[in-house]
Amino acid sequence: MSYHSKEEGVLKLNMSGRFVPGLESYRYLYYPVDLQDIDEEHLAKTIAKAAREELGGNKAKRTVLVSPGLTPLALRVIAILLGLTGSLPEIQPIVRDDRTGKYGLGDIVNLEDLWAIAKVGAAC
């Protein structure tokens, strides 16, 4: 099944973790690792590769992201904080301990650093 964008210059990414009926025009990106094991450089390269394939090397006029659960609220908060402060915030995910099954705070992720990695990854 193909998930190529139907709108010219629009990058559509389904990162909801599942195929969703009606999102056939969205490229499905699944990153099957625990949050604490995310390799930012690999993720940036994966998204850059999808963008190149979808857009043929052109810049996206806009990007549409399908996100799971409460993520849309978090993304709105990030956008507001970026507008208020001029920089991206750090984020700290809640992660599950495989040994105990209990949830706790994961490592802090600096989104500014991730942005820098993405700029380098996009050039690859």
PDB file of N, CA and C in Angstrom:
ATOM      1  N   MET A   1       0.842  -1.177   0.000  1.00  0.00           N
ATOM      2  CA  MET A   1       0.000   0.000   0.000  1.00  0.00           C
ATOM      3  C   MET A   1       0.889   1.243   0.000  1.00  0.00           C
ATOM      4  N   SER A   2       0.547   2.211  -0.786  1.00  0.00           N
ATOM      5  CA  SER A   2       1.347   3.424  -0.912  1.00  0.00           C
ATOM      6  C   SER A   2       0.816   4.512   0.018  1.00  0.00           C
ATOM      7  N   TYR A   3       1.716   5.281   0.563  1.00  0.00           N
ATOM      8  CA  TYR A   3       1.337   6.372   1.459  1.00  0.00           C
ATOM      9  C   TYR A   3       1.920   7.688   0.968  1.00  0.00           C
ATOM     10  N   HIS A   4       1.921   7.893  -0.337  1.00  0.00           N
ATOM     11  CA  HIS A   4       2.491   9.111  -0.882  1.00  0.00           C
ATOM     12  C   HIS A   4       1.486  10.254  -0.800  1.00  0.00           C
ATOM     13  N   SER A   5       2.017  11.456  -0.584  1.00  0.00           N
ATOM     14  CA  SER A   5       1.174  12.642  -0.502  1.00  0.00           C
ATOM     15  C   SER A   5       0.436  12.863  -1.809  1.00  0.00           C
ATOM     16  N   LYS A   6      -0.805  13.286  -1.722  1.00  0.00           N
ATOM     17  CA  LYS A   6      -1.575  13.597  -2.913  1.00  0.00           C
ATOM     18  C   LYS A   6      -1.534  15.089  -3.201  1.00  0.00           C
ATOM     19  N   GLU A   7      -1.127  15.892  -2.225  1.00  0.00           N
ATOM     20  CA  GLU A   7      -1.031  17.336  -2.424  1.00  0.00           C
ATOM     21  C   GLU A   7       0.408  17.690  -2.750  1.00  0.00           C
ATOM     22  N   GLU A   8       0.610  18.455  -3.790  1.00  0.00           N
ATOM     23  CA  GLU A   8       1.941  18.860  -4.215  1.00  0.00           C
ATOM     24  C   GLU A   8       2.622  19.691  -3.122  1.00  0.00           C
ATOM     25  N   GLY A   9       3.834  19.298  -2.741  1.00  0.00           N
ATOM     26  CA  GLY A   9       4.620  20.074  -1.783  1.00  0.00           C
ATOM     27  C   GLY A   9       4.208  19.926  -0.347  1.00  0.00           C
ATOM     28  N   VAL A  10       3.365  18.942  -0.030  1.00  0.00           N
ATOM     29  CA  VAL A  10       2.918  18.741   1.347  1.00  0.00           C
ATOM     30  C   VAL A  10       3.472  17.421   1.858  1.00  0.00           C
ATOM     31  N   LEU A  11       4.234  17.468   2.948  1.00  0.00           N
ATOM     32  CA  LEU A  11       4.767  16.265   3.581  1.00  0.00           C
ATOM     33  C   LEU A  11       3.790  15.842   4.664  1.00  0.00           C
ATOM     34  N   LYS A  12       3.236  14.631   4.522  1.00  0.00           N
ATOM     35  CA  LYS A  12       2.272  14.112   5.488  1.00  0.00           C
ATOM     36  C   LYS A  12       2.883  12.892   6.161  1.00  0.00           C
ATOM     37  N   LEU A  13       3.010  12.925   7.485  1.00  0.00           N
ATOM     38  CA  LEU A  13       3.616  11.836   8.242  1.00  0.00           C
ATOM     39  C   LEU A  13       2.626  11.301   9.265  1.00  0.00           C
ATOM     40  N   ASN A  14       2.363  10.005   9.210  1.00  0.00           N
ATOM     41  CA  ASN A  14       1.523   9.349  10.206  1.00  0.00           C
ATOM     42  C   ASN A  14       2.445   8.705  11.225  1.00  0.00           C
ATOM     43  N   MET A  15       2.546   9.300  12.399  1.00  0.00           N
ATOM     44  CA  MET A  15       3.388   8.764  13.465  1.00  0.00           C
ATOM     45  C   MET A  15       2.519   8.322  14.642  1.00  0.00           C
ATOM     46  N   SER A  16       1.277   7.954  14.345  1.00  0.00           N
ATOM     47  CA  SER A  16       0.342   7.579  15.394  1.00  0.00           C
ATOM     48  C   SER A  16       0.618   6.197  15.967  1.00  0.00           C
ATOM     49  N   GLY A  17       1.497   5.437  15.290  1.00  0.00           N
ATOM     50  CA  GLY A  17       1.792   4.090  15.772  1.00  0.00           C
ATOM     51  C   GLY A  17       0.917   3.026  15.143  1.00  0.00           C
ATOM     52  N   ARG A  18       0.016   3.420  14.245  1.00  0.00           N
ATOM     53  CA  ARG A  18      -0.866   2.438  13.599  1.00  0.00           C
ATOM     54  C   ARG A  18      -1.346   2.971  12.259  1.00  0.00           C
ATOM     55  N   PHE A  19      -1.724   2.031  11.418  1.00  0.00           N
ATOM     56  CA  PHE A  19      -2.371   2.425  10.171  1.00  0.00           C
ATOM     57  C   PHE A  19      -3.778   2.887  10.517  1.00  0.00           C
ATOM     58  N   VAL A  20      -4.183   3.998   9.975  1.00  0.00           N
ATOM     59  CA  VAL A  20      -5.493   4.556  10.271  1.00  0.00           C
ATOM     60  C   VAL A  20      -6.257   4.712   8.952  1.00  0.00           C
ATOM     61  N   PRO A  21      -7.458   4.112   8.856  1.00  0.00           N
ATOM     62  CA  PRO A  21      -8.248   4.287   7.633  1.00  0.00           C
ATOM     63  C   PRO A  21      -8.467   5.770   7.348  1.00  0.00           C
ATOM     64  N   GLY A  22      -8.328   6.137   6.092  1.00  0.00           N
ATOM     65  CA  GLY A  22      -8.489   7.522   5.709  1.00  0.00           C
ATOM     66  C   GLY A  22      -7.186   8.287   5.621  1.00  0.00           C
ATOM     67  N   LEU A  23      -6.096   7.671   6.082  1.00  0.00           N
ATOM     68  CA  LEU A  23      -4.804   8.347   6.030  1.00  0.00           C
ATOM     69  C   LEU A  23      -3.906   7.739   4.963  1.00  0.00           C
ATOM     70  N   GLU A  24      -4.510   7.213   3.909  1.00  0.00           N
ATOM     71  CA  GLU A  24      -3.732   6.567   2.867  1.00  0.00           C
ATOM     72  C   GLU A  24      -2.761   7.522   2.192  1.00  0.00           C
ATOM     73  N   SER A  25      -3.046   8.825   2.221  1.00  0.00           N
ATOM     74  CA  SER A  25      -2.146   9.775   1.584  1.00  0.00           C
ATOM     75  C   SER A  25      -0.990  10.183   2.499  1.00  0.00           C
ATOM     76  N   TYR A  26      -0.963   9.657   3.721  1.00  0.00           N
ATOM     77  CA  TYR A  26       0.100   9.976   4.664  1.00  0.00           C
ATOM     78  C   TYR A  26       1.161   8.888   4.647  1.00  0.00           C
ATOM     79  N   ARG A  27       2.439   9.280   4.665  1.00  0.00           N
ATOM     80  CA  ARG A  27       3.509   8.289   4.783  1.00  0.00           C
ATOM     81  C   ARG A  27       3.510   7.800   6.225  1.00  0.00           C
ATOM     82  N   TYR A  28       3.442   6.486   6.392  1.00  0.00           N
ATOM     83  CA  TYR A  28       3.419   5.880   7.721  1.00  0.00           C
ATOM     84  C   TYR A  28       4.843   5.683   8.191  1.00  0.00           C
ATOM     85  N   LEU A  29       5.227   6.341   9.277  1.00  0.00           N
ATOM     86  CA  LEU A  29       6.549   6.172   9.861  1.00  0.00           C
ATOM     87  C   LEU A  29       6.388   5.537  11.230  1.00  0.00           C
ATOM     88  N   TYR A  30       6.969   4.386  11.388  1.00  0.00           N
ATOM     89  CA  TYR A  30       6.893   3.697  12.670  1.00  0.00           C
ATOM     90  C   TYR A  30       8.299   3.566  13.214  1.00  0.00           C
ATOM     91  N   TYR A  31       8.500   4.014  14.420  1.00  0.00           N
ATOM     92  CA  TYR A  31       9.817   3.965  15.052  1.00  0.00           C
ATOM     93  C   TYR A  31       9.707   3.038  16.256  1.00  0.00           C
ATOM     94  N   PRO A  32       9.942   1.718  16.052  1.00  0.00           N
ATOM     95  CA  PRO A  32       9.631   0.720  17.077  1.00  0.00           C
ATOM     96  C   PRO A  32      10.696   0.570  18.170  1.00  0.00           C
ATOM     97  N   VAL A  33      10.864   1.582  18.981  1.00  0.00           N
ATOM     98  CA  VAL A  33      11.774   1.491  20.124  1.00  0.00           C
ATOM     99  C   VAL A  33      11.128   2.169  21.310  1.00  0.00           C
ATOM    100  N   ASP A  34      11.654   1.857  22.472  1.00  0.00           N
ATOM    101  CA  ASP A  34      11.201   2.522  23.674  1.00  0.00           C
ATOM    102  C   ASP A  34      11.704   3.968  23.636  1.00  0.00           C
ATOM    103  N   LEU A  35      10.976   4.884  24.215  1.00  0.00           N
ATOM    104  CA  LEU A  35      11.362   6.294  24.186  1.00  0.00           C
ATOM    105  C   LEU A  35      12.773   6.530  24.693  1.00  0.00           C
ATOM    106  N   GLN A  36      13.188   5.772  25.677  1.00  0.00           N
ATOM    107  CA  GLN A  36      14.513   6.002  26.240  1.00  0.00           C
ATOM    108  C   GLN A  36      15.626   5.521  25.312  1.00  0.00           C
ATOM    109  N   ASP A  37      15.281   4.769  24.256  1.00  0.00           N
ATOM    110  CA  ASP A  37      16.278   4.244  23.335  1.00  0.00           C
ATOM    111  C   ASP A  37      16.300   4.953  21.987  1.00  0.00           C
ATOM    112  N   ILE A  38      15.602   6.067  21.855  1.00  0.00           N
ATOM    113  CA  ILE A  38      15.534   6.756  20.568  1.00  0.00           C
ATOM    114  C   ILE A  38      16.908   7.293  20.188  1.00  0.00           C
ATOM    115  N   ASP A  39      17.300   7.013  18.973  1.00  0.00           N
ATOM    116  CA  ASP A  39      18.540   7.523  18.399  1.00  0.00           C
ATOM    117  C   ASP A  39      18.153   8.729  17.542  1.00  0.00           C
ATOM    118  N   GLU A  40      18.375   9.947  18.069  1.00  0.00           N
ATOM    119  CA  GLU A  40      17.927  11.159  17.390  1.00  0.00           C
ATOM    120  C   GLU A  40      18.499  11.291  15.984  1.00  0.00           C
ATOM    121  N   GLU A  41      19.765  10.912  15.814  1.00  0.00           N
ATOM    122  CA  GLU A  41      20.387  11.040  14.498  1.00  0.00           C
ATOM    123  C   GLU A  41      19.694  10.122  13.488  1.00  0.00           C
ATOM    124  N   HIS A  42      19.413   8.881  13.902  1.00  0.00           N
ATOM    125  CA  HIS A  42      18.726   7.936  13.015  1.00  0.00           C
ATOM    126  C   HIS A  42      17.310   8.424  12.696  1.00  0.00           C
ATOM    127  N   LEU A  43      16.620   8.935  13.699  1.00  0.00           N
ATOM    128  CA  LEU A  43      15.264   9.446  13.497  1.00  0.00           C
ATOM    129  C   LEU A  43      15.273  10.617  12.518  1.00  0.00           C
ATOM    130  N   ALA A  44      16.219  11.536  12.687  1.00  0.00           N
ATOM    131  CA  ALA A  44      16.318  12.688  11.783  1.00  0.00           C
ATOM    132  C   ALA A  44      16.590  12.225  10.349  1.00  0.00           C
ATOM    133  N   LYS A  45      17.464  11.242  10.195  1.00  0.00           N
ATOM    134  CA  LYS A  45      17.768  10.736   8.854  1.00  0.00           C
ATOM    135  C   LYS A  45      16.566  10.020   8.245  1.00  0.00           C
ATOM    136  N   THR A  46      15.800   9.289   9.066  1.00  0.00           N
ATOM    137  CA  THR A  46      14.608   8.594   8.589  1.00  0.00           C
ATOM    138  C   THR A  46      13.576   9.592   8.068  1.00  0.00           C
ATOM    139  N   ILE A  47      13.357  10.665   8.823  1.00  0.00           N
ATOM    140  CA  ILE A  47      12.387  11.672   8.409  1.00  0.00           C
ATOM    141  C   ILE A  47      12.895  12.426   7.182  1.00  0.00           C
ATOM    142  N   ALA A  48      14.194  12.733   7.144  1.00  0.00           N
ATOM    143  CA  ALA A  48      14.763  13.422   5.980  1.00  0.00           C
ATOM    144  C   ALA A  48      14.630  12.565   4.729  1.00  0.00           C
ATOM    145  N   LYS A  49      14.851  11.255   4.869  1.00  0.00           N
ATOM    146  CA  LYS A  49      14.718  10.334   3.727  1.00  0.00           C
ATOM    147  C   LYS A  49      13.266  10.321   3.238  1.00  0.00           C
ATOM    148  N   ALA A  50      12.325  10.245   4.165  1.00  0.00           N
ATOM    149  CA  ALA A  50      10.910  10.253   3.788  1.00  0.00           C
ATOM    150  C   ALA A  50      10.563  11.558   3.076  1.00  0.00           C
ATOM    151  N   ALA A  51      11.094  12.670   3.569  1.00  0.00           N
ATOM    152  CA  ALA A  51      10.815  13.958   2.938  1.00  0.00           C
ATOM    153  C   ALA A  51      11.376  14.000   1.520  1.00  0.00           C
ATOM    154  N   ARG A  52      12.595  13.499   1.333  1.00  0.00           N
ATOM    155  CA  ARG A  52      13.185  13.483  -0.012  1.00  0.00           C
ATOM    156  C   ARG A  52      12.351  12.621  -0.954  1.00  0.00           C
ATOM    157  N   GLU A  53      11.926  11.454  -0.471  1.00  0.00           N
ATOM    158  CA  GLU A  53      11.130  10.550  -1.305  1.00  0.00           C
ATOM    159  C   GLU A  53       9.772  11.149  -1.650  1.00  0.00           C
ATOM    160  N   GLU A  54       9.153  11.798  -0.685  1.00  0.00           N
ATOM    161  CA  GLU A  54       7.829  12.374  -0.904  1.00  0.00           C
ATOM    162  C   GLU A  54       7.873  13.624  -1.770  1.00  0.00           C
ATOM    163  N   LEU A  55       8.898  14.446  -1.568  1.00  0.00           N
ATOM    164  CA  LEU A  55       8.923  15.761  -2.187  1.00  0.00           C
ATOM    165  C   LEU A  55       9.915  15.869  -3.332  1.00  0.00           C
ATOM    166  N   GLY A  56      10.647  14.787  -3.606  1.00  0.00           N
ATOM    167  CA  GLY A  56      11.590  14.810  -4.712  1.00  0.00           C
ATOM    168  C   GLY A  56      12.695  15.834  -4.555  1.00  0.00           C
ATOM    169  N   GLY A  57      13.132  16.072  -3.323  1.00  0.00           N
ATOM    170  CA  GLY A  57      14.220  17.016  -3.092  1.00  0.00           C
ATOM    171  C   GLY A  57      13.762  18.448  -2.888  1.00  0.00           C
ATOM    172  N   ASN A  58      12.480  18.725  -3.075  1.00  0.00           N
ATOM    173  CA  ASN A  58      11.967  20.075  -2.870  1.00  0.00           C
ATOM    174  C   ASN A  58      11.633  20.304  -1.403  1.00  0.00           C
ATOM    175  N   LYS A  59      11.559  21.549  -1.001  1.00  0.00           N
ATOM    176  CA  LYS A  59      11.145  21.868   0.364  1.00  0.00           C
ATOM    177  C   LYS A  59       9.633  21.743   0.475  1.00  0.00           C
ATOM    178  N   ALA A  60       9.168  21.318   1.626  1.00  0.00           N
ATOM    179  CA  ALA A  60       7.727  21.196   1.854  1.00  0.00           C
ATOM    180  C   ALA A  60       7.105  22.584   2.001  1.00  0.00           C
ATOM    181  N   LYS A  61       5.963  22.770   1.348  1.00  0.00           N
ATOM    182  CA  LYS A  61       5.202  24.000   1.553  1.00  0.00           C
ATOM    183  C   LYS A  61       4.608  23.992   2.957  1.00  0.00           C
ATOM    184  N   ARG A  62       4.230  22.802   3.372  1.00  0.00           N
ATOM    185  CA  ARG A  62       3.744  22.612   4.737  1.00  0.00           C
ATOM    186  C   ARG A  62       3.904  21.145   5.102  1.00  0.00           C
ATOM    187  N   THR A  63       3.878  20.860   6.385  1.00  0.00           N
ATOM    188  CA  THR A  63       4.007  19.491   6.875  1.00  0.00           C
ATOM    189  C   THR A  63       2.827  19.197   7.775  1.00  0.00           C
ATOM    190  N   VAL A  64       2.234  18.018   7.605  1.00  0.00           N
ATOM    191  CA  VAL A  64       1.113  17.588   8.426  1.00  0.00           C
ATOM    192  C   VAL A  64       1.566  16.342   9.183  1.00  0.00           C
ATOM    193  N   LEU A  65       1.401  16.344  10.504  1.00  0.00           N
ATOM    194  CA  LEU A  65       1.848  15.234  11.345  1.00  0.00           C
ATOM    195  C   LEU A  65       0.663  14.664  12.103  1.00  0.00           C
ATOM    196  N   VAL A  66       0.422  13.367  11.961  1.00  0.00           N
ATOM    197  CA  VAL A  66      -0.618  12.690  12.740  1.00  0.00           C
ATOM    198  C   VAL A  66       0.080  12.113  13.965  1.00  0.00           C
ATOM    199  N   SER A  67      -0.366  12.515  15.135  1.00  0.00           N
ATOM    200  CA  SER A  67       0.301  12.092  16.362  1.00  0.00           C
ATOM    201  C   SER A  67      -0.679  11.397  17.300  1.00  0.00           C
ATOM    202  N   PRO A  68      -0.155  10.504  18.144  1.00  0.00           N
ATOM    203  CA  PRO A  68      -1.022   9.710  19.018  1.00  0.00           C
ATOM    204  C   PRO A  68      -1.407  10.405  20.319  1.00  0.00           C
ATOM    205  N   GLY A  69      -2.485   9.941  20.894  1.00  0.00           N
ATOM    206  CA  GLY A  69      -2.883  10.304  22.254  1.00  0.00           C
ATOM    207  C   GLY A  69      -2.892  11.787  22.560  1.00  0.00           C
ATOM    208  N   LEU A  70      -2.235  12.157  23.660  1.00  0.00           N
ATOM    209  CA  LEU A  70      -2.185  13.552  24.093  1.00  0.00           C
ATOM    210  C   LEU A  70      -1.076  14.345  23.414  1.00  0.00           C
ATOM    211  N   THR A  71      -0.373  13.719  22.481  1.00  0.00           N
ATOM    212  CA  THR A  71       0.723  14.396  21.800  1.00  0.00           C
ATOM    213  C   THR A  71       0.285  15.703  21.134  1.00  0.00           C
ATOM    214  N   PRO A  72      -0.910  15.778  20.515  1.00  0.00           N
ATOM    215  CA  PRO A  72      -1.299  17.064  19.916  1.00  0.00           C
ATOM    216  C   PRO A  72      -1.296  18.218  20.915  1.00  0.00           C
ATOM    217  N   LEU A  73      -1.683  17.958  22.154  1.00  0.00           N
ATOM    218  CA  LEU A  73      -1.644  19.002  23.188  1.00  0.00           C
ATOM    219  C   LEU A  73      -0.195  19.401  23.473  1.00  0.00           C
ATOM    220  N   ALA A  74       0.691  18.416  23.613  1.00  0.00           N
ATOM    221  CA  ALA A  74       2.105  18.710  23.876  1.00  0.00           C
ATOM    222  C   ALA A  74       2.717  19.508  22.729  1.00  0.00           C
ATOM    223  N   LEU A  75       2.351  19.163  21.496  1.00  0.00           N
ATOM    224  CA  LEU A  75       2.889  19.892  20.348  1.00  0.00           C
ATOM    225  C   LEU A  75       2.419  21.338  20.340  1.00  0.00           C
ATOM    226  N   ARG A  76       1.187  21.566  20.730  1.00  0.00           N
ATOM    227  CA  ARG A  76       0.686  22.937  20.808  1.00  0.00           C
ATOM    228  C   ARG A  76       1.452  23.730  21.869  1.00  0.00           C
ATOM    229  N   VAL A  77       1.701  23.087  23.012  1.00  0.00           N
ATOM    230  CA  VAL A  77       2.451  23.744  24.082  1.00  0.00           C
ATOM    231  C   VAL A  77       3.863  24.093  23.595  1.00  0.00           C
ATOM    232  N   ILE A  78       4.506  23.172  22.870  1.00  0.00           N
ATOM    233  CA  ILE A  78       5.842  23.439  22.335  1.00  0.00           C
ATOM    234  C   ILE A  78       5.801  24.632  21.390  1.00  0.00           C
ATOM    235  N   ALA A  79       4.807  24.675  20.513  1.00  0.00           N
ATOM    236  CA  ALA A  79       4.689  25.796  19.570  1.00  0.00           C
ATOM    237  C   ALA A  79       4.495  27.120  20.316  1.00  0.00           C
ATOM    238  N   ILE A  80       3.677  27.116  21.353  1.00  0.00           N
ATOM    239  CA  ILE A  80       3.440  28.330  22.137  1.00  0.00           C
ATOM    240  C   ILE A  80       4.716  28.757  22.847  1.00  0.00           C
ATOM    241  N   LEU A  81       5.424  27.802  23.454  1.00  0.00           N
ATOM    242  CA  LEU A  81       6.674  28.123  24.141  1.00  0.00           C
ATOM    243  C   LEU A  81       7.718  28.658  23.166  1.00  0.00           C
ATOM    244  N   LEU A  82       7.778  28.088  21.982  1.00  0.00           N
ATOM    245  CA  LEU A  82       8.701  28.581  20.963  1.00  0.00           C
ATOM    246  C   LEU A  82       8.366  30.027  20.609  1.00  0.00           C
ATOM    247  N   GLY A  83       7.090  30.315  20.456  1.00  0.00           N
ATOM    248  CA  GLY A  83       6.676  31.680  20.155  1.00  0.00           C
ATOM    249  C   GLY A  83       6.968  32.652  21.291  1.00  0.00           C
ATOM    250  N   LEU A  84       6.809  32.208  22.526  1.00  0.00           N
ATOM    251  CA  LEU A  84       7.026  33.082  23.681  1.00  0.00           C
ATOM    252  C   LEU A  84       8.500  33.297  24.002  1.00  0.00           C
ATOM    253  N   THR A  85       9.309  32.250  23.849  1.00  0.00           N
ATOM    254  CA  THR A  85      10.705  32.329  24.290  1.00  0.00           C
ATOM    255  C   THR A  85      11.716  32.413  23.148  1.00  0.00           C
ATOM    256  N   GLY A  86      11.299  32.019  21.945  1.00  0.00           N
ATOM    257  CA  GLY A  86      12.218  32.034  20.819  1.00  0.00           C
ATOM    258  C   GLY A  86      13.116  30.811  20.749  1.00  0.00           C
ATOM    259  N   SER A  87      12.909  29.844  21.638  1.00  0.00           N
ATOM    260  CA  SER A  87      13.709  28.621  21.593  1.00  0.00           C
ATOM    261  C   SER A  87      12.822  27.421  21.925  1.00  0.00           C
ATOM    262  N   LEU A  88      13.304  26.260  21.520  1.00  0.00           N
ATOM    263  CA  LEU A  88      12.565  25.025  21.800  1.00  0.00           C
ATOM    264  C   LEU A  88      12.833  24.578  23.235  1.00  0.00           C
ATOM    265  N   PRO A  89      11.833  24.027  23.912  1.00  0.00           N
ATOM    266  CA  PRO A  89      12.046  23.570  25.287  1.00  0.00           C
ATOM    267  C   PRO A  89      12.751  22.216  25.329  1.00  0.00           C
ATOM    268  N   GLU A  90      13.221  21.864  26.503  1.00  0.00           N
ATOM    269  CA  GLU A  90      13.675  20.500  26.745  1.00  0.00           C
ATOM    270  C   GLU A  90      12.430  19.694  27.095  1.00  0.00           C
ATOM    271  N   ILE A  91      12.439  18.407  26.785  1.00  0.00           N
ATOM    272  CA  ILE A  91      11.311  17.555  27.154  1.00  0.00           C
ATOM    273  C   ILE A  91      11.819  16.392  27.976  1.00  0.00           C
ATOM    274  N   GLN A  92      10.974  15.877  28.848  1.00  0.00           N
ATOM    275  CA  GLN A  92      11.324  14.735  29.686  1.00  0.00           C
ATOM    276  C   GLN A  92      10.165  13.742  29.649  1.00  0.00           C
ATOM    277  N   PRO A  93      10.342  12.637  28.922  1.00  0.00           N
ATOM    278  CA  PRO A  93       9.252  11.674  28.789  1.00  0.00           C
ATOM    279  C   PRO A  93       9.073  10.815  30.041  1.00  0.00           C
ATOM    280  N   ILE A  94       7.893  10.273  30.153  1.00  0.00           N
ATOM    281  CA  ILE A  94       7.635   9.256  31.165  1.00  0.00           C
ATOM    282  C   ILE A  94       7.926   7.917  30.505  1.00  0.00           C
ATOM    283  N   VAL A  95       8.725   7.092  31.163  1.00  0.00           N
ATOM    284  CA  VAL A  95       9.117   5.800  30.601  1.00  0.00           C
ATOM    285  C   VAL A  95       8.791   4.676  31.583  1.00  0.00           C
ATOM    286  N   ARG A  96       8.621   3.505  31.030  1.00  0.00           N
ATOM    287  CA  ARG A  96       8.301   2.318  31.833  1.00  0.00           C
ATOM    288  C   ARG A  96       9.573   1.538  32.103  1.00  0.00           C
ATOM    289  N   ASP A  97       9.784   1.183  33.362  1.00  0.00           N
ATOM    290  CA  ASP A  97      10.923   0.357  33.746  1.00  0.00           C
ATOM    291  C   ASP A  97      10.576  -1.096  33.429  1.00  0.00           C
ATOM    292  N   ASP A  98      11.351  -1.732  32.553  1.00  0.00           N
ATOM    293  CA  ASP A  98      11.074  -3.109  32.139  1.00  0.00           C
ATOM    294  C   ASP A  98      11.154  -4.096  33.301  1.00  0.00           C
ATOM    295  N   ARG A  99      12.009  -3.811  34.273  1.00  0.00           N
ATOM    296  CA  ARG A  99      12.164  -4.740  35.403  1.00  0.00           C
ATOM    297  C   ARG A  99      10.991  -4.674  36.370  1.00  0.00           C
ATOM    298  N   THR A 100      10.573  -3.449  36.721  1.00  0.00           N
ATOM    299  CA  THR A 100       9.536  -3.296  37.744  1.00  0.00           C
ATOM    300  C   THR A 100       8.140  -3.077  37.160  1.00  0.00           C
ATOM    301  N   GLY A 101       8.073  -2.629  35.912  1.00  0.00           N
ATOM    302  CA  GLY A 101       6.790  -2.314  35.308  1.00  0.00           C
ATOM    303  C   GLY A 101       6.248  -0.959  35.735  1.00  0.00           C
ATOM    304  N   LYS A 102       7.002  -0.251  36.584  1.00  0.00           N
ATOM    305  CA  LYS A 102       6.561   1.058  37.062  1.00  0.00           C
ATOM    306  C   LYS A 102       7.044   2.148  36.117  1.00  0.00           C
ATOM    307  N   TYR A 103       6.334   3.259  36.141  1.00  0.00           N
ATOM    308  CA  TYR A 103       6.667   4.392  35.289  1.00  0.00           C
ATOM    309  C   TYR A 103       7.427   5.436  36.089  1.00  0.00           C
ATOM    310  N   GLY A 104       8.343   6.098  35.403  1.00  0.00           N
ATOM    311  CA  GLY A 104       9.129   7.164  36.016  1.00  0.00           C
ATOM    312  C   GLY A 104       9.610   8.114  34.932  1.00  0.00           C
ATOM    313  N   LEU A 105      10.407   9.082  35.329  1.00  0.00           N
ATOM    314  CA  LEU A 105      10.896  10.069  34.385  1.00  0.00           C
ATOM    315  C   LEU A 105      12.095   9.532  33.611  1.00  0.00           C
ATOM    316  N   GLY A 106      12.076   9.747  32.305  1.00  0.00           N
ATOM    317  CA  GLY A 106      13.188   9.368  31.450  1.00  0.00           C
ATOM    318  C   GLY A 106      14.195  10.504  31.346  1.00  0.00           C
ATOM    319  N   ASP A 107      15.155  10.320  30.472  1.00  0.00           N
ATOM    320  CA  ASP A 107      16.185  11.327  30.259  1.00  0.00           C
ATOM    321  C   ASP A 107      15.603  12.572  29.601  1.00  0.00           C
ATOM    322  N   ILE A 108      16.164  13.720  29.949  1.00  0.00           N
ATOM    323  CA  ILE A 108      15.759  14.975  29.342  1.00  0.00           C
ATOM    324  C   ILE A 108      16.306  15.030  27.919  1.00  0.00           C
ATOM    325  N   VAL A 109      15.459  15.449  26.993  1.00  0.00           N
ATOM    326  CA  VAL A 109      15.849  15.605  25.595  1.00  0.00           C
ATOM    327  C   VAL A 109      15.847  17.089  25.276  1.00  0.00           C
ATOM    328  N   ASN A 110      16.984  17.590  24.807  1.00  0.00           N
ATOM    329  CA  ASN A 110      17.097  18.990  24.438  1.00  0.00           C
ATOM    330  C   ASN A 110      16.654  19.134  22.987  1.00  0.00           C
ATOM    331  N   LEU A 111      15.507  19.751  22.757  1.00  0.00           N
ATOM    332  CA  LEU A 111      14.970  19.872  21.402  1.00  0.00           C
ATOM    333  C   LEU A 111      15.819  20.776  20.515  1.00  0.00           C
ATOM    334  N   GLU A 112      16.524  21.736  21.107  1.00  0.00           N
ATOM    335  CA  GLU A 112      17.433  22.569  20.318  1.00  0.00           C
ATOM    336  C   GLU A 112      18.558  21.709  19.735  1.00  0.00           C
ATOM    337  N   ASP A 113      19.095  20.779  20.548  1.00  0.00           N
ATOM    338  CA  ASP A 113      20.138  19.865  20.059  1.00  0.00           C
ATOM    339  C   ASP A 113      19.582  18.963  18.964  1.00  0.00           C
ATOM    340  N   LEU A 114      18.362  18.480  19.157  1.00  0.00           N
ATOM    341  CA  LEU A 114      17.722  17.623  18.154  1.00  0.00           C
ATOM    342  C   LEU A 114      17.521  18.382  16.848  1.00  0.00           C
ATOM    343  N   TRP A 115      17.169  19.645  16.944  1.00  0.00           N
ATOM    344  CA  TRP A 115      16.997  20.480  15.762  1.00  0.00           C
ATOM    345  C   TRP A 115      18.319  20.590  14.996  1.00  0.00           C
ATOM    346  N   ALA A 116      19.423  20.769  15.730  1.00  0.00           N
ATOM    347  CA  ALA A 116      20.742  20.845  15.083  1.00  0.00           C
ATOM    348  C   ALA A 116      21.096  19.533  14.395  1.00  0.00           C
ATOM    349  N   ILE A 117      20.778  18.414  15.045  1.00  0.00           N
ATOM    350  CA  ILE A 117      21.033  17.094  14.445  1.00  0.00           C
ATOM    351  C   ILE A 117      20.202  16.931  13.176  1.00  0.00           C
ATOM    352  N   ALA A 118      18.956  17.396  13.223  1.00  0.00           N
ATOM    353  CA  ALA A 118      18.066  17.273  12.069  1.00  0.00           C
ATOM    354  C   ALA A 118      18.593  18.072  10.879  1.00  0.00           C
ATOM    355  N   LYS A 119      19.149  19.246  11.147  1.00  0.00           N
ATOM    356  CA  LYS A 119      19.689  20.055  10.050  1.00  0.00           C
ATOM    357  C   LYS A 119      20.848  19.330   9.369  1.00  0.00           C
ATOM    358  N   VAL A 120      21.675  18.650  10.156  1.00  0.00           N
ATOM    359  CA  VAL A 120      22.776  17.875   9.588  1.00  0.00           C
ATOM    360  C   VAL A 120      22.237  16.644   8.875  1.00  0.00           C
ATOM    361  N   GLY A 121      21.239  15.968   9.477  1.00  0.00           N
ATOM    362  CA  GLY A 121      20.634  14.772   8.883  1.00  0.00           C
ATOM    363  C   GLY A 121      19.935  15.049   7.570  1.00  0.00           C
ATOM    364  N   ALA A 122      19.358  16.221   7.453  1.00  0.00           N
ATOM    365  CA  ALA A 122      18.659  16.583   6.222  1.00  0.00           C
ATOM    366  C   ALA A 122      19.626  16.729   5.059  1.00  0.00           C
ATOM    367  N   ALA A 123      20.877  17.038   5.388  1.00  0.00           N
ATOM    368  CA  ALA A 123      21.876  17.199   4.326  1.00  0.00           C
ATOM    369  C   ALA A 123      22.428  15.865   3.839  1.00  0.00           C
ATOM    370  N   CYS A 124      22.165  14.792   4.610  1.00  0.00           N
ATOM    371  CA  CYS A 124      22.693  13.470   4.245  1.00  0.00           C
ATOM    372  C   CYS A 124      21.859  12.819   3.162  1.00  0.00           C
TER     373      CYS A 124
END
